[in-house]
N, C-alpha and C. Protein backbone atom coordinates (compact mmCIF):
# COMPACT_ATOMS: atom_id res chain seq x y z
N MET A 1 21.04 -0.54 45.44
CA MET A 1 19.59 -0.44 45.31
C MET A 1 19.21 0.58 44.25
N LYS A 2 19.96 1.72 44.25
CA LYS A 2 19.70 2.77 43.28
C LYS A 2 19.83 2.25 41.85
N TYR A 3 20.90 1.43 41.63
CA TYR A 3 21.14 0.91 40.28
C TYR A 3 20.06 -0.10 39.87
N VAL A 4 19.59 -0.88 40.86
CA VAL A 4 18.52 -1.86 40.58
C VAL A 4 17.26 -1.14 40.15
N LEU A 5 16.92 -0.07 40.91
CA LEU A 5 15.72 0.71 40.57
C LEU A 5 15.86 1.33 39.19
N PHE A 6 17.06 1.83 38.89
CA PHE A 6 17.31 2.44 37.58
C PHE A 6 17.12 1.41 36.46
N GLY A 7 17.67 0.20 36.72
CA GLY A 7 17.56 -0.86 35.72
C GLY A 7 16.13 -1.28 35.50
N VAL A 8 15.38 -1.42 36.58
CA VAL A 8 13.97 -1.80 36.47
C VAL A 8 13.18 -0.73 35.73
N SER A 9 13.46 0.53 36.06
CA SER A 9 12.78 1.65 35.40
C SER A 9 13.06 1.65 33.90
N ALA A 10 14.32 1.41 33.56
CA ALA A 10 14.70 1.39 32.15
C ALA A 10 13.98 0.28 31.40
N LEU A 11 13.91 -0.90 32.03
CA LEU A 11 13.21 -2.03 31.40
C LEU A 11 11.73 -1.73 31.22
N LEU A 12 11.14 -1.08 32.23
CA LEU A 12 9.73 -0.73 32.15
C LEU A 12 9.48 0.27 31.02
N LEU A 13 10.39 1.23 30.87
CA LEU A 13 10.27 2.21 29.80
C LEU A 13 10.38 1.57 28.43
N ILE A 14 11.34 0.65 28.29
CA ILE A 14 11.53 -0.06 27.01
C ILE A 14 10.29 -0.89 26.70
N GLY A 15 9.78 -1.58 27.74
CA GLY A 15 8.59 -2.40 27.55
C GLY A 15 7.40 -1.56 27.14
N ALA A 16 7.25 -0.40 27.78
CA ALA A 16 6.14 0.50 27.45
C ALA A 16 6.26 1.00 26.02
N PHE A 17 7.50 1.30 25.59
CA PHE A 17 7.72 1.79 24.23
C PHE A 17 7.35 0.72 23.21
N LEU A 18 7.83 -0.52 23.46
CA LEU A 18 7.55 -1.61 22.53
C LEU A 18 6.06 -1.91 22.47
N PHE A 19 5.40 -1.88 23.62
CA PHE A 19 3.96 -2.12 23.65
C PHE A 19 3.23 -1.02 22.89
N GLY A 20 3.66 0.23 23.16
CA GLY A 20 3.01 1.36 22.49
C GLY A 20 3.19 1.30 20.98
N SER A 21 4.40 0.94 20.54
CA SER A 21 4.69 0.82 19.11
C SER A 21 3.85 -0.27 18.48
N SER A 22 3.79 -1.43 19.16
CA SER A 22 3.01 -2.55 18.66
C SER A 22 1.52 -2.20 18.61
N TYR A 23 1.04 -1.52 19.67
CA TYR A 23 -0.37 -1.13 19.74
C TYR A 23 -0.70 -0.16 18.62
N TYR A 24 0.20 0.81 18.38
CA TYR A 24 -0.03 1.80 17.32
C TYR A 24 -0.12 1.14 15.96
N LYS A 25 0.82 0.20 15.71
CA LYS A 25 0.80 -0.50 14.42
C LYS A 25 -0.47 -1.32 14.26
N GLY A 26 -0.89 -1.96 15.36
CA GLY A 26 -2.11 -2.76 15.31
C GLY A 26 -3.32 -1.89 15.04
N GLN A 27 -3.38 -0.73 15.72
CA GLN A 27 -4.48 0.20 15.51
C GLN A 27 -4.49 0.73 14.08
N LYS A 28 -3.29 0.98 13.56
CA LYS A 28 -3.16 1.50 12.20
C LYS A 28 -3.66 0.48 11.19
N ALA A 29 -3.29 -0.79 11.37
CA ALA A 29 -3.73 -1.85 10.47
C ALA A 29 -5.24 -2.01 10.54
N GLU A 30 -5.78 -1.93 11.77
CA GLU A 30 -7.22 -2.06 11.95
C GLU A 30 -7.96 -0.91 11.27
N LYS A 31 -7.40 0.28 11.41
CA LYS A 31 -7.99 1.47 10.80
C LYS A 31 -8.06 1.33 9.29
N PHE A 32 -6.95 0.94 8.67
CA PHE A 32 -6.91 0.82 7.22
C PHE A 32 -7.74 -0.36 6.73
N GLY A 33 -7.79 -1.44 7.53
CA GLY A 33 -8.62 -2.58 7.16
C GLY A 33 -10.08 -2.19 7.13
N PHE A 34 -10.50 -1.38 8.11
CA PHE A 34 -11.87 -0.88 8.15
C PHE A 34 -12.13 0.03 6.96
N MET A 35 -11.14 0.87 6.67
CA MET A 35 -11.28 1.80 5.57
C MET A 35 -11.45 1.07 4.24
N ALA A 36 -10.78 -0.06 4.12
CA ALA A 36 -10.87 -0.83 2.88
C ALA A 36 -12.29 -1.30 2.64
N GLN A 37 -13.03 -1.54 3.71
CA GLN A 37 -14.41 -1.99 3.57
C GLN A 37 -15.36 -0.81 3.38
N GLU A 38 -15.18 0.23 4.20
CA GLU A 38 -16.10 1.35 4.21
C GLU A 38 -15.79 2.40 3.13
N ASN A 39 -14.53 2.50 2.74
CA ASN A 39 -14.14 3.51 1.76
C ASN A 39 -13.12 2.93 0.80
N ALA A 40 -13.55 1.92 0.07
CA ALA A 40 -12.64 1.20 -0.82
C ALA A 40 -12.00 2.10 -1.87
N ALA A 41 -12.68 3.19 -2.22
CA ALA A 41 -12.15 4.09 -3.25
C ALA A 41 -10.83 4.72 -2.86
N THR A 42 -10.56 4.81 -1.56
CA THR A 42 -9.27 5.35 -1.13
C THR A 42 -8.13 4.46 -1.59
N PHE A 43 -8.40 3.18 -1.72
CA PHE A 43 -7.40 2.21 -2.16
C PHE A 43 -7.45 1.96 -3.67
N VAL A 44 -8.66 1.91 -4.20
CA VAL A 44 -8.83 1.59 -5.63
C VAL A 44 -9.75 2.62 -6.27
N ARG A 45 -9.21 3.43 -7.14
CA ARG A 45 -10.01 4.41 -7.87
C ARG A 45 -10.42 3.84 -9.23
N GLU A 46 -11.41 4.48 -9.81
CA GLU A 46 -11.90 4.02 -11.11
C GLU A 46 -10.81 4.06 -12.17
N HIS A 47 -9.89 5.01 -12.03
CA HIS A 47 -8.82 5.15 -13.02
C HIS A 47 -7.62 4.24 -12.75
N SER A 48 -7.63 3.54 -11.61
CA SER A 48 -6.45 2.75 -11.22
C SER A 48 -6.14 1.64 -12.22
N GLN A 49 -4.88 1.51 -12.55
CA GLN A 49 -4.44 0.43 -13.44
C GLN A 49 -4.34 -0.86 -12.65
N THR A 50 -4.90 -1.93 -13.19
CA THR A 50 -4.91 -3.20 -12.47
C THR A 50 -4.33 -4.33 -13.32
N LEU A 51 -3.91 -5.37 -12.62
CA LEU A 51 -3.37 -6.55 -13.28
C LEU A 51 -3.77 -7.77 -12.46
N GLY A 52 -4.35 -8.76 -13.12
CA GLY A 52 -4.77 -9.96 -12.42
C GLY A 52 -6.25 -10.24 -12.62
N ALA A 53 -6.69 -11.36 -12.10
CA ALA A 53 -8.06 -11.81 -12.28
C ALA A 53 -9.05 -10.92 -11.55
N ASP A 54 -10.20 -10.65 -12.17
CA ASP A 54 -11.22 -9.81 -11.57
C ASP A 54 -11.86 -10.46 -10.34
N ASP A 55 -11.82 -11.78 -10.28
CA ASP A 55 -12.45 -12.46 -9.14
C ASP A 55 -11.44 -12.78 -8.03
N ALA A 56 -10.24 -12.23 -8.12
CA ALA A 56 -9.24 -12.46 -7.07
C ALA A 56 -9.73 -11.86 -5.76
N LYS A 57 -9.45 -12.54 -4.66
CA LYS A 57 -9.91 -12.09 -3.35
C LYS A 57 -8.83 -11.35 -2.55
N VAL A 58 -7.62 -11.35 -3.08
CA VAL A 58 -6.52 -10.66 -2.41
C VAL A 58 -6.10 -9.47 -3.28
N TYR A 59 -6.31 -8.27 -2.77
CA TYR A 59 -5.97 -7.05 -3.49
C TYR A 59 -4.65 -6.49 -2.96
N LEU A 60 -3.68 -6.43 -3.86
CA LEU A 60 -2.38 -5.86 -3.52
C LEU A 60 -2.31 -4.46 -4.12
N VAL A 61 -2.39 -3.45 -3.27
CA VAL A 61 -2.34 -2.06 -3.72
C VAL A 61 -0.92 -1.55 -3.54
N GLU A 62 -0.36 -1.04 -4.62
CA GLU A 62 1.02 -0.51 -4.57
C GLU A 62 1.03 0.95 -4.99
N PHE A 63 1.43 1.82 -4.08
CA PHE A 63 1.68 3.21 -4.44
C PHE A 63 3.11 3.28 -4.96
N MET A 64 3.24 3.65 -6.22
CA MET A 64 4.54 3.57 -6.88
C MET A 64 4.95 4.89 -7.51
N ASP A 65 6.24 4.93 -7.89
CA ASP A 65 6.85 6.07 -8.55
C ASP A 65 7.74 5.49 -9.64
N PRO A 66 7.50 5.84 -10.92
CA PRO A 66 8.31 5.28 -12.01
C PRO A 66 9.80 5.55 -11.86
N ALA A 67 10.17 6.58 -11.09
CA ALA A 67 11.59 6.90 -10.88
C ALA A 67 12.15 6.26 -9.62
N CYS A 68 11.36 5.41 -8.98
CA CYS A 68 11.77 4.77 -7.73
C CYS A 68 12.51 3.46 -8.01
N GLU A 69 13.76 3.39 -7.57
CA GLU A 69 14.57 2.19 -7.80
C GLU A 69 14.00 0.97 -7.08
N THR A 70 13.49 1.18 -5.87
CA THR A 70 12.94 0.06 -5.11
C THR A 70 11.66 -0.47 -5.75
N CYS A 71 10.87 0.43 -6.35
CA CYS A 71 9.67 -0.01 -7.07
C CYS A 71 10.06 -0.95 -8.21
N ALA A 72 11.09 -0.56 -8.94
CA ALA A 72 11.57 -1.39 -10.05
C ALA A 72 12.09 -2.72 -9.53
N ALA A 73 12.79 -2.70 -8.40
CA ALA A 73 13.36 -3.92 -7.84
C ALA A 73 12.28 -4.89 -7.37
N PHE A 74 11.16 -4.37 -6.86
CA PHE A 74 10.09 -5.22 -6.34
C PHE A 74 9.20 -5.81 -7.43
N THR A 75 9.23 -5.23 -8.62
CA THR A 75 8.32 -5.66 -9.68
C THR A 75 8.45 -7.14 -10.03
N PRO A 76 9.66 -7.68 -10.27
CA PRO A 76 9.77 -9.11 -10.58
C PRO A 76 9.27 -9.99 -9.43
N PHE A 77 9.51 -9.55 -8.21
CA PHE A 77 9.07 -10.29 -7.02
C PHE A 77 7.55 -10.34 -6.96
N VAL A 78 6.91 -9.21 -7.20
CA VAL A 78 5.44 -9.15 -7.18
C VAL A 78 4.85 -10.01 -8.30
N LYS A 79 5.44 -9.92 -9.48
CA LYS A 79 4.93 -10.72 -10.61
C LYS A 79 5.08 -12.21 -10.33
N LYS A 80 6.16 -12.59 -9.68
CA LYS A 80 6.39 -14.00 -9.35
C LYS A 80 5.33 -14.49 -8.36
N MET A 81 5.04 -13.68 -7.34
CA MET A 81 4.01 -14.05 -6.37
C MET A 81 2.65 -14.19 -7.05
N MET A 82 2.36 -13.28 -7.96
CA MET A 82 1.08 -13.33 -8.66
C MET A 82 0.97 -14.58 -9.52
N ALA A 83 2.05 -14.91 -10.20
CA ALA A 83 2.05 -16.10 -11.06
C ALA A 83 1.86 -17.36 -10.25
N GLU A 84 2.46 -17.41 -9.06
CA GLU A 84 2.38 -18.60 -8.21
C GLU A 84 1.05 -18.69 -7.45
N SER A 85 0.29 -17.60 -7.44
CA SER A 85 -0.97 -17.59 -6.67
C SER A 85 -2.14 -18.19 -7.44
N ASN A 86 -1.94 -18.44 -8.74
CA ASN A 86 -3.01 -19.01 -9.58
C ASN A 86 -4.29 -18.18 -9.56
N GLY A 87 -4.13 -16.88 -9.79
CA GLY A 87 -5.29 -16.01 -9.93
C GLY A 87 -5.88 -15.50 -8.63
N LYS A 88 -5.19 -15.67 -7.52
CA LYS A 88 -5.74 -15.24 -6.22
C LYS A 88 -5.39 -13.80 -5.87
N ILE A 89 -4.44 -13.20 -6.63
CA ILE A 89 -3.98 -11.84 -6.33
C ILE A 89 -4.30 -10.90 -7.48
N LYS A 90 -4.81 -9.72 -7.12
CA LYS A 90 -5.03 -8.67 -8.11
C LYS A 90 -4.17 -7.48 -7.70
N LEU A 91 -3.35 -6.99 -8.61
CA LEU A 91 -2.46 -5.86 -8.35
C LEU A 91 -3.13 -4.57 -8.80
N ILE A 92 -3.11 -3.59 -7.93
CA ILE A 92 -3.64 -2.25 -8.25
C ILE A 92 -2.51 -1.25 -8.08
N LEU A 93 -2.18 -0.55 -9.16
CA LEU A 93 -1.11 0.45 -9.09
C LEU A 93 -1.69 1.83 -8.85
N ARG A 94 -1.13 2.51 -7.86
CA ARG A 94 -1.48 3.90 -7.58
C ARG A 94 -0.21 4.73 -7.68
N TYR A 95 -0.36 6.01 -7.95
CA TYR A 95 0.81 6.87 -8.14
C TYR A 95 1.16 7.67 -6.89
N ALA A 96 2.43 7.69 -6.60
CA ALA A 96 2.99 8.54 -5.54
C ALA A 96 4.31 9.08 -6.07
N PRO A 97 4.25 9.97 -7.07
CA PRO A 97 5.48 10.48 -7.71
C PRO A 97 6.22 11.48 -6.82
N PHE A 98 6.94 10.93 -5.85
CA PHE A 98 7.65 11.76 -4.87
C PHE A 98 8.98 12.30 -5.39
N HIS A 99 9.60 11.59 -6.34
CA HIS A 99 10.90 12.05 -6.85
C HIS A 99 10.70 13.28 -7.74
N ASP A 100 11.72 14.12 -7.81
CA ASP A 100 11.66 15.30 -8.67
C ASP A 100 11.39 14.91 -10.12
N GLY A 101 10.37 15.51 -10.70
CA GLY A 101 10.07 15.26 -12.10
C GLY A 101 9.35 13.95 -12.38
N ALA A 102 9.00 13.21 -11.34
CA ALA A 102 8.40 11.89 -11.54
C ALA A 102 7.02 11.95 -12.19
N GLU A 103 6.31 13.08 -12.00
CA GLU A 103 4.99 13.21 -12.62
C GLU A 103 5.09 13.18 -14.15
N TYR A 104 6.23 13.57 -14.67
CA TYR A 104 6.46 13.54 -16.11
C TYR A 104 6.38 12.10 -16.64
N PHE A 105 6.93 11.17 -15.89
CA PHE A 105 6.94 9.77 -16.31
C PHE A 105 5.56 9.13 -16.11
N VAL A 106 4.85 9.58 -15.10
CA VAL A 106 3.48 9.10 -14.91
C VAL A 106 2.62 9.55 -16.10
N THR A 107 2.84 10.78 -16.55
CA THR A 107 2.11 11.30 -17.70
C THR A 107 2.38 10.47 -18.94
N ILE A 108 3.63 10.07 -19.13
CA ILE A 108 3.98 9.20 -20.26
C ILE A 108 3.25 7.86 -20.15
N LEU A 109 3.24 7.31 -18.94
CA LEU A 109 2.57 6.03 -18.72
C LEU A 109 1.09 6.10 -19.06
N GLU A 110 0.44 7.16 -18.59
CA GLU A 110 -0.99 7.31 -18.83
C GLU A 110 -1.29 7.55 -20.30
N ALA A 111 -0.40 8.25 -20.97
CA ALA A 111 -0.57 8.46 -22.42
C ALA A 111 -0.39 7.14 -23.16
N ALA A 112 0.55 6.33 -22.73
CA ALA A 112 0.77 5.01 -23.35
C ALA A 112 -0.43 4.10 -23.09
N ARG A 113 -1.05 4.28 -21.96
CA ARG A 113 -2.23 3.49 -21.61
C ARG A 113 -3.34 3.65 -22.63
N LYS A 114 -3.48 4.86 -23.19
CA LYS A 114 -4.51 5.13 -24.20
C LYS A 114 -4.29 4.30 -25.45
N GLN A 115 -3.06 3.81 -25.63
CA GLN A 115 -2.76 2.94 -26.78
C GLN A 115 -2.71 1.48 -26.37
N GLY A 116 -3.07 1.19 -25.14
CA GLY A 116 -3.02 -0.20 -24.66
C GLY A 116 -1.61 -0.70 -24.44
N LYS A 117 -0.69 0.23 -24.14
CA LYS A 117 0.72 -0.12 -23.99
C LYS A 117 1.27 0.25 -22.61
N TYR A 118 0.39 0.23 -21.62
CA TYR A 118 0.79 0.66 -20.28
C TYR A 118 1.88 -0.22 -19.68
N TRP A 119 1.62 -1.51 -19.58
CA TRP A 119 2.56 -2.41 -18.90
C TRP A 119 3.88 -2.54 -19.66
N GLU A 120 3.78 -2.52 -20.98
CA GLU A 120 5.00 -2.61 -21.79
C GLU A 120 5.87 -1.36 -21.59
N THR A 121 5.21 -0.20 -21.50
CA THR A 121 5.94 1.06 -21.29
C THR A 121 6.56 1.10 -19.90
N LEU A 122 5.82 0.64 -18.91
CA LEU A 122 6.35 0.60 -17.54
C LEU A 122 7.57 -0.32 -17.47
N ASP A 123 7.50 -1.44 -18.15
CA ASP A 123 8.62 -2.38 -18.16
C ASP A 123 9.87 -1.74 -18.76
N VAL A 124 9.71 -1.02 -19.87
CA VAL A 124 10.84 -0.32 -20.50
C VAL A 124 11.37 0.77 -19.58
N MET A 125 10.48 1.47 -18.90
CA MET A 125 10.88 2.52 -17.97
C MET A 125 11.76 1.96 -16.85
N TYR A 126 11.29 0.88 -16.25
CA TYR A 126 12.05 0.30 -15.14
C TYR A 126 13.42 -0.20 -15.59
N LYS A 127 13.46 -0.80 -16.77
CA LYS A 127 14.73 -1.35 -17.27
C LYS A 127 15.73 -0.25 -17.64
N SER A 128 15.21 0.89 -18.09
CA SER A 128 16.10 1.98 -18.51
C SER A 128 16.29 3.03 -17.40
N GLN A 129 15.69 2.80 -16.28
CA GLN A 129 15.68 3.75 -15.17
C GLN A 129 17.06 4.32 -14.79
N PRO A 130 18.11 3.48 -14.75
CA PRO A 130 19.44 4.01 -14.35
C PRO A 130 19.95 5.13 -15.26
N TYR A 131 19.44 5.20 -16.49
CA TYR A 131 19.95 6.18 -17.45
C TYR A 131 19.29 7.56 -17.30
N TRP A 132 18.07 7.60 -16.77
CA TRP A 132 17.36 8.88 -16.72
C TRP A 132 16.88 9.30 -15.32
N ALA A 133 16.97 8.40 -14.36
CA ALA A 133 16.38 8.70 -13.05
C ALA A 133 17.39 8.92 -11.94
N SER A 134 18.59 9.33 -12.27
CA SER A 134 19.58 9.60 -11.23
C SER A 134 19.04 10.65 -10.27
N HIS A 135 19.10 10.35 -8.97
CA HIS A 135 18.57 11.29 -7.98
C HIS A 135 19.42 12.55 -7.88
N HIS A 136 20.69 12.44 -8.23
CA HIS A 136 21.58 13.59 -8.16
C HIS A 136 21.55 14.41 -9.45
N ASN A 137 21.27 13.73 -10.56
CA ASN A 137 21.25 14.42 -11.84
C ASN A 137 20.21 13.79 -12.76
N PRO A 138 18.91 13.95 -12.43
CA PRO A 138 17.86 13.34 -13.26
C PRO A 138 17.84 13.96 -14.66
N GLN A 139 17.67 13.12 -15.66
CA GLN A 139 17.62 13.59 -17.04
C GLN A 139 16.41 12.97 -17.73
N PRO A 140 15.22 13.47 -17.43
CA PRO A 140 13.98 12.88 -17.94
C PRO A 140 13.89 12.79 -19.46
N GLU A 141 14.54 13.72 -20.15
CA GLU A 141 14.46 13.71 -21.61
C GLU A 141 15.08 12.45 -22.22
N LYS A 142 15.95 11.77 -21.47
CA LYS A 142 16.61 10.56 -22.00
C LYS A 142 15.65 9.39 -22.16
N ILE A 143 14.48 9.46 -21.51
CA ILE A 143 13.52 8.37 -21.62
C ILE A 143 13.07 8.18 -23.06
N TRP A 144 13.11 9.26 -23.85
CA TRP A 144 12.59 9.19 -25.21
C TRP A 144 13.43 8.30 -26.12
N GLN A 145 14.68 8.09 -25.77
CA GLN A 145 15.49 7.19 -26.61
C GLN A 145 15.16 5.72 -26.35
N PHE A 146 14.43 5.45 -25.25
CA PHE A 146 14.07 4.07 -24.90
C PHE A 146 12.63 3.73 -25.25
N LEU A 147 11.77 4.72 -25.35
CA LEU A 147 10.36 4.45 -25.62
C LEU A 147 10.09 3.72 -26.94
N PRO A 148 10.90 3.94 -28.01
CA PRO A 148 10.68 3.19 -29.25
C PRO A 148 10.82 1.67 -29.07
N LYS A 149 11.40 1.24 -27.93
CA LYS A 149 11.52 -0.20 -27.67
C LYS A 149 10.17 -0.83 -27.32
N VAL A 150 9.18 0.01 -27.02
CA VAL A 150 7.84 -0.50 -26.76
C VAL A 150 7.20 -0.80 -28.10
N VAL A 151 7.08 -2.07 -28.40
CA VAL A 151 6.56 -2.49 -29.71
C VAL A 151 5.14 -1.98 -29.92
N GLY A 152 4.94 -1.29 -31.04
CA GLY A 152 3.61 -0.82 -31.40
C GLY A 152 3.23 0.52 -30.80
N LEU A 153 4.12 1.14 -30.02
CA LEU A 153 3.80 2.42 -29.41
C LEU A 153 4.01 3.55 -30.41
N ASN A 154 2.96 4.33 -30.64
CA ASN A 154 3.02 5.47 -31.55
C ASN A 154 3.53 6.69 -30.76
N ILE A 155 4.77 7.06 -30.99
CA ILE A 155 5.41 8.13 -30.22
C ILE A 155 4.74 9.48 -30.47
N GLU A 156 4.39 9.72 -31.71
CA GLU A 156 3.74 11.00 -32.05
C GLU A 156 2.40 11.13 -31.32
N GLN A 157 1.63 10.06 -31.31
CA GLN A 157 0.34 10.07 -30.61
C GLN A 157 0.54 10.19 -29.10
N LEU A 158 1.60 9.56 -28.62
CA LEU A 158 1.93 9.62 -27.20
C LEU A 158 2.14 11.06 -26.75
N GLU A 159 2.88 11.81 -27.53
CA GLU A 159 3.15 13.21 -27.19
C GLU A 159 1.88 14.04 -27.15
N LYS A 160 0.95 13.73 -28.04
CA LYS A 160 -0.34 14.45 -28.05
C LYS A 160 -1.17 14.10 -26.82
N ASP A 161 -1.21 12.80 -26.51
CA ASP A 161 -2.05 12.34 -25.39
C ASP A 161 -1.51 12.78 -24.04
N MET A 162 -0.24 13.11 -23.97
CA MET A 162 0.34 13.58 -22.71
C MET A 162 -0.25 14.92 -22.28
N LYS A 163 -0.88 15.62 -23.21
CA LYS A 163 -1.45 16.94 -22.91
C LYS A 163 -2.85 16.86 -22.31
N ASP A 164 -3.37 15.66 -22.17
CA ASP A 164 -4.71 15.48 -21.62
C ASP A 164 -4.76 15.97 -20.17
N PRO A 165 -5.57 16.98 -19.85
CA PRO A 165 -5.63 17.52 -18.49
C PRO A 165 -6.15 16.52 -17.46
N ALA A 166 -6.81 15.47 -17.90
CA ALA A 166 -7.34 14.46 -16.98
C ALA A 166 -6.21 13.73 -16.26
N ILE A 167 -5.04 13.66 -16.88
CA ILE A 167 -3.91 12.96 -16.27
C ILE A 167 -3.46 13.67 -14.99
N ALA A 168 -3.38 14.99 -15.05
CA ALA A 168 -2.98 15.76 -13.87
C ALA A 168 -3.98 15.57 -12.73
N LYS A 169 -5.25 15.44 -13.07
CA LYS A 169 -6.30 15.26 -12.05
C LYS A 169 -6.17 13.92 -11.35
N LEU A 170 -5.89 12.87 -12.13
CA LEU A 170 -5.77 11.54 -11.50
C LEU A 170 -4.51 11.44 -10.64
N ILE A 171 -3.45 12.13 -11.05
CA ILE A 171 -2.23 12.16 -10.24
C ILE A 171 -2.52 12.85 -8.91
N ALA A 172 -3.25 13.96 -8.97
CA ALA A 172 -3.61 14.71 -7.76
C ALA A 172 -4.47 13.85 -6.83
N GLN A 173 -5.37 13.06 -7.41
CA GLN A 173 -6.22 12.19 -6.60
C GLN A 173 -5.40 11.11 -5.91
N ASP A 174 -4.48 10.51 -6.65
CA ASP A 174 -3.64 9.47 -6.06
C ASP A 174 -2.75 10.03 -4.95
N LEU A 175 -2.24 11.22 -5.15
CA LEU A 175 -1.40 11.84 -4.12
C LEU A 175 -2.23 12.15 -2.87
N ALA A 176 -3.48 12.56 -3.07
CA ALA A 176 -4.37 12.84 -1.94
C ALA A 176 -4.66 11.56 -1.17
N ASP A 177 -4.89 10.45 -1.90
CA ASP A 177 -5.15 9.18 -1.24
C ASP A 177 -3.90 8.67 -0.53
N ALA A 178 -2.76 8.89 -1.13
CA ALA A 178 -1.49 8.49 -0.49
C ALA A 178 -1.32 9.22 0.83
N LYS A 179 -1.67 10.49 0.85
CA LYS A 179 -1.57 11.28 2.08
C LYS A 179 -2.54 10.75 3.14
N THR A 180 -3.77 10.43 2.72
CA THR A 180 -4.78 9.90 3.65
C THR A 180 -4.30 8.59 4.27
N LEU A 181 -3.64 7.77 3.46
CA LEU A 181 -3.17 6.46 3.91
C LEU A 181 -1.77 6.52 4.53
N GLU A 182 -1.26 7.74 4.66
CA GLU A 182 0.03 7.96 5.31
C GLU A 182 1.20 7.30 4.58
N VAL A 183 1.10 7.27 3.25
CA VAL A 183 2.20 6.76 2.43
C VAL A 183 3.21 7.89 2.27
N LYS A 184 4.41 7.67 2.77
CA LYS A 184 5.44 8.71 2.74
C LYS A 184 6.63 8.35 1.85
N LYS A 185 6.70 7.09 1.43
CA LYS A 185 7.77 6.67 0.54
C LYS A 185 7.27 5.52 -0.33
N THR A 186 7.98 5.27 -1.40
CA THR A 186 7.56 4.23 -2.34
C THR A 186 8.59 3.09 -2.38
N PRO A 187 8.10 1.88 -2.69
CA PRO A 187 6.68 1.53 -2.86
C PRO A 187 5.96 1.42 -1.52
N GLY A 188 4.69 1.81 -1.53
CA GLY A 188 3.84 1.67 -0.35
C GLY A 188 2.82 0.58 -0.62
N PHE A 189 2.88 -0.50 0.14
CA PHE A 189 2.03 -1.66 -0.12
C PHE A 189 0.90 -1.79 0.91
N PHE A 190 -0.28 -2.21 0.41
CA PHE A 190 -1.41 -2.58 1.24
C PHE A 190 -1.99 -3.88 0.69
N VAL A 191 -2.32 -4.80 1.56
CA VAL A 191 -2.92 -6.06 1.14
C VAL A 191 -4.30 -6.14 1.77
N ASN A 192 -5.33 -6.04 0.94
CA ASN A 192 -6.71 -5.98 1.42
C ASN A 192 -6.87 -4.93 2.52
N GLY A 193 -6.22 -3.81 2.28
CA GLY A 193 -6.34 -2.69 3.21
C GLY A 193 -5.35 -2.70 4.35
N LYS A 194 -4.60 -3.77 4.50
CA LYS A 194 -3.64 -3.88 5.61
C LYS A 194 -2.27 -3.38 5.14
N PRO A 195 -1.69 -2.41 5.83
CA PRO A 195 -0.40 -1.88 5.39
C PRO A 195 0.76 -2.82 5.68
N LEU A 196 1.77 -2.76 4.81
CA LEU A 196 3.01 -3.49 5.08
C LEU A 196 3.77 -2.69 6.12
N GLN A 197 3.77 -3.16 7.35
CA GLN A 197 4.30 -2.36 8.46
C GLN A 197 5.81 -2.44 8.58
N SER A 198 6.39 -3.58 8.25
CA SER A 198 7.84 -3.75 8.28
C SER A 198 8.28 -4.08 6.86
N PHE A 199 9.05 -3.18 6.25
CA PHE A 199 9.32 -3.27 4.82
C PHE A 199 10.34 -4.36 4.48
N GLY A 200 10.06 -5.10 3.41
CA GLY A 200 10.99 -6.11 2.92
C GLY A 200 10.27 -7.15 2.07
N TYR A 201 11.04 -7.90 1.29
CA TYR A 201 10.46 -8.94 0.43
C TYR A 201 9.76 -10.00 1.27
N LYS A 202 10.44 -10.47 2.29
CA LYS A 202 9.90 -11.54 3.13
C LYS A 202 8.62 -11.08 3.84
N GLN A 203 8.63 -9.86 4.33
CA GLN A 203 7.47 -9.34 5.04
C GLN A 203 6.27 -9.20 4.11
N LEU A 204 6.51 -8.75 2.87
CA LEU A 204 5.41 -8.62 1.92
C LEU A 204 4.86 -10.00 1.55
N TYR A 205 5.75 -10.95 1.36
CA TYR A 205 5.32 -12.31 1.05
C TYR A 205 4.44 -12.87 2.17
N GLN A 206 4.87 -12.67 3.40
CA GLN A 206 4.12 -13.19 4.55
C GLN A 206 2.76 -12.54 4.67
N LEU A 207 2.70 -11.23 4.44
CA LEU A 207 1.42 -10.51 4.53
C LEU A 207 0.45 -11.01 3.47
N ILE A 208 0.95 -11.19 2.26
CA ILE A 208 0.11 -11.69 1.17
C ILE A 208 -0.33 -13.12 1.44
N GLN A 209 0.61 -13.95 1.88
CA GLN A 209 0.30 -15.36 2.14
C GLN A 209 -0.73 -15.51 3.25
N THR A 210 -0.62 -14.68 4.27
CA THR A 210 -1.59 -14.71 5.37
C THR A 210 -2.99 -14.38 4.85
N GLU A 211 -3.06 -13.39 3.98
CA GLU A 211 -4.35 -12.99 3.44
C GLU A 211 -4.90 -14.04 2.48
N ILE A 212 -4.03 -14.69 1.72
CA ILE A 212 -4.47 -15.77 0.84
C ILE A 212 -5.06 -16.91 1.66
N ASN A 213 -4.38 -17.26 2.75
CA ASN A 213 -4.87 -18.34 3.62
C ASN A 213 -6.22 -18.01 4.23
N GLU A 214 -6.42 -16.73 4.54
CA GLU A 214 -7.70 -16.30 5.13
C GLU A 214 -8.82 -16.30 4.10
N GLN A 215 -8.49 -15.84 2.90
CA GLN A 215 -9.52 -15.71 1.87
C GLN A 215 -9.80 -17.01 1.11
N TYR A 216 -8.81 -17.90 1.11
CA TYR A 216 -8.96 -19.21 0.44
C TYR A 216 -8.61 -20.31 1.43
N PRO A 217 -9.49 -20.57 2.42
CA PRO A 217 -9.17 -21.54 3.48
C PRO A 217 -9.11 -22.99 3.03
N ASN A 218 -9.73 -23.33 1.91
CA ASN A 218 -9.76 -24.73 1.45
C ASN A 218 -8.71 -24.99 0.37
C-alpha cells in the first residue's frame, strides 16, 4: 500500500509540474501577444532593420548576434520560409550581442547600413564567422580581411561611420527590449508577439505557419 501511495503521489507531482510548465508557457505567450498589440515598439523599433513586404501580416522578430553560430545557421532557413510565403512574412532584426565583443560587429553592420550595404555585410559576416568568432579565441580584427568582399562597400567611410554615437544608443535599446522580453540567448524568435517556446527549425516553421493560417484564412 505504501508503494502504491508513493507511486500515485509521484504521478500527481509530475502531472502538476507538467501542467504548471504548460500554464506558464501559455501565460507567457499571452503576455507577449498582448504586448505586441499594446506596446509594439518593444518588438519593432524605428531603427530596426527589416526585410520583406510592408503589407505582410506575419511579423517575424529575431533577436540576433552576428557572432552567434546558430543565428548564421538559421538564416538560410528563414529566407527560404520568407520566399515560400509570397510576401506574407516580414523579418525584423533586433540586436542581442551576448558574445564577447559582439557589439563591435553590430557597429560594423550599422555603419555598412549607412551605405545601403547592410544585408550584404551581414551575409559576408555569417559566411566568414568561423574565422573570427571563435568562442575560445575570438579575433574580431580578422573581419576586416573579409569586408572587401562586400561589393561597393567603402571601407574608409565605414570606419568613420562606426564612430557614430547613435549606434551605441540603439544597441542599448535593443538589449533593454531583449531583457523585457526575457531573451536570454540567440536567436530569440517571436512571431506576431508570440515567443518560440520550444527551439528548433520545425517548431519555428510550425509557429509561423500557424500565424500565416490565422492571418490569411482564404
